[in-house]
Amino acid sequence: MTTAWEDEEKIEYFETWLKSGSVAEQWLRNEAAKKATWKNLCEVFKERWPECPIAQKTTAERQAELEGEKIMEGELGTKVKVNGAEVYAHIAWANRVEKLAKAIPDNNNLLVVGC
């Protein structure tokens, strides 16, 4: 969709993204008068389906998740499927651990544990 499109084109494009027979498609048919302009359609759609806030994990929850991420000795050298591709289990584990660690704000090196 581009800003150069007319309202009618934007509304038609929007309609193509609604699942056939869905509650949203049925709702849109009933809101025909309110969808006269793209702006109106956006307003009534957001009113009907307001954005739901996403539950954010706390730093403590993220740290607990990181600490719980373990690999068993027997898994070393084995292969697992990740997104349809076969990779070594220890590589998949390291990638998960890295992703979890990067999600934790750590400006003061609090994740570095002394010996």
Protein backbone atom coordinates (compact mmCIF):
# COMPACT_ATOMS: atom_id res chain seq x y z
CA MET A 1 0.00 0.00 0.00
CA THR A 2 1.33 3.43 -0.82
CA THR A 3 0.35 6.90 0.31
CA ALA A 4 -0.47 7.72 -3.31
CA TRP A 5 -3.42 5.29 -3.31
CA GLU A 6 -6.93 6.61 -3.10
CA ASP A 7 -9.06 5.67 -0.08
CA GLU A 8 -11.04 3.15 -2.11
CA GLU A 9 -7.85 1.33 -3.16
CA LYS A 10 -6.57 1.24 0.43
CA ILE A 11 -9.88 -0.14 1.69
CA GLU A 12 -9.99 -2.80 -1.03
CA TYR A 13 -6.40 -3.82 -0.23
CA PHE A 14 -7.24 -4.01 3.48
CA GLU A 15 -10.23 -6.24 2.72
CA THR A 16 -8.00 -8.73 0.88
CA TRP A 17 -6.02 -9.31 4.10
CA LEU A 18 -9.07 -10.39 6.09
CA LYS A 19 -9.58 -14.13 6.37
CA SER A 20 -12.63 -15.31 4.47
CA GLY A 21 -15.54 -15.91 6.83
CA SER A 22 -13.71 -14.38 9.77
CA VAL A 23 -15.27 -12.22 12.47
CA ALA A 24 -13.29 -9.27 11.09
CA GLU A 25 -14.64 -9.80 7.56
CA GLN A 26 -18.22 -10.01 8.87
CA TRP A 27 -17.65 -6.93 11.02
CA LEU A 28 -16.35 -4.99 8.00
CA ARG A 29 -19.46 -5.83 5.97
CA ASN A 30 -21.63 -4.47 8.81
CA GLU A 31 -19.53 -1.30 9.04
CA ALA A 32 -19.98 -0.39 5.36
CA ALA A 33 -21.24 3.12 6.15
CA LYS A 34 -18.35 3.81 8.52
CA LYS A 35 -15.68 2.71 6.06
CA ALA A 36 -16.31 5.52 3.60
CA THR A 37 -12.78 6.81 4.05
CA TRP A 38 -9.50 5.14 4.95
CA LYS A 39 -9.19 7.33 8.03
CA ASN A 40 -12.68 6.32 9.22
CA LEU A 41 -11.96 2.64 8.60
CA CYS A 42 -8.74 2.85 10.63
CA GLU A 43 -10.53 4.58 13.51
CA VAL A 44 -13.44 2.13 13.74
CA PHE A 45 -11.15 -0.88 13.30
CA LYS A 46 -8.87 0.27 16.13
CA GLU A 47 -11.95 0.96 18.26
CA ARG A 48 -13.27 -2.57 17.65
CA TRP A 49 -9.85 -4.26 17.98
CA PRO A 50 -7.66 -2.10 20.20
CA GLU A 51 -4.01 -3.03 20.37
CA CYS A 52 -3.34 -5.44 23.22
CA PRO A 53 -0.33 -4.65 25.38
CA ILE A 54 2.37 -7.30 25.22
CA ALA A 55 3.43 -8.71 28.57
CA GLN A 56 7.08 -7.86 29.04
CA LYS A 57 9.35 -10.14 31.05
CA THR A 58 11.15 -8.61 33.99
CA THR A 59 14.93 -8.70 34.18
CA ALA A 60 14.64 -11.31 36.95
CA GLU A 61 12.41 -13.49 34.73
CA ARG A 62 14.86 -13.18 31.86
CA GLN A 63 17.79 -14.08 34.13
CA ALA A 64 15.93 -17.13 35.47
CA GLU A 65 15.18 -18.24 31.91
CA LEU A 66 18.85 -17.84 30.98
CA GLU A 67 20.00 -19.77 34.05
CA GLY A 68 17.54 -22.55 33.27
CA GLU A 69 18.92 -23.08 29.79
CA LYS A 70 21.04 -26.24 30.11
CA ILE A 71 22.53 -28.72 27.69
CA MET A 72 23.12 -32.30 28.72
CA GLU A 73 26.43 -34.01 28.02
CA GLY A 74 24.65 -36.66 25.96
CA GLU A 75 23.34 -33.96 23.61
CA LEU A 76 26.84 -32.85 22.60
CA GLY A 77 27.62 -33.85 19.03
CA THR A 78 24.01 -34.72 18.24
CA LYS A 79 21.94 -32.90 15.66
CA VAL A 80 18.60 -31.12 16.09
CA LYS A 81 16.25 -29.35 13.70
CA VAL A 82 16.01 -25.58 13.98
CA ASN A 83 13.67 -23.82 11.55
CA GLY A 84 13.72 -26.91 9.34
CA ALA A 85 17.53 -27.12 9.15
CA GLU A 86 19.69 -29.69 10.91
CA VAL A 87 22.32 -28.17 13.23
CA TYR A 88 24.46 -29.44 16.07
CA ALA A 89 22.61 -29.35 19.40
CA HIS A 90 25.39 -27.40 21.13
CA ILE A 91 25.26 -24.70 18.42
CA ALA A 92 21.47 -24.40 18.75
CA TRP A 93 21.88 -24.21 22.56
CA ALA A 94 24.58 -21.52 22.28
CA ASN A 95 22.38 -19.49 19.95
CA ARG A 96 19.45 -19.69 22.41
CA VAL A 97 21.70 -18.68 25.32
CA GLU A 98 23.15 -15.77 23.36
CA LYS A 99 19.66 -14.54 22.42
CA LEU A 100 18.49 -14.77 26.04
CA ALA A 101 21.60 -12.99 27.34
CA LYS A 102 21.27 -10.16 24.84
CA ALA A 103 17.66 -9.61 25.95
CA ILE A 104 18.81 -8.79 29.49
CA PRO A 105 19.80 -5.17 30.05
CA ASP A 106 23.26 -5.38 31.60
CA ASN A 107 24.97 -1.99 31.52
CA ASN A 108 26.94 -2.71 34.71
CA ASN A 109 28.22 -6.23 33.85
CA LEU A 110 25.94 -7.79 36.44
CA LEU A 111 25.79 -11.03 34.44
CA VAL A 112 29.52 -11.52 34.87
CA VAL A 113 29.89 -13.79 37.88
CA GLY A 114 33.17 -13.82 39.79
CA CYS A 115 34.99 -17.04 40.58
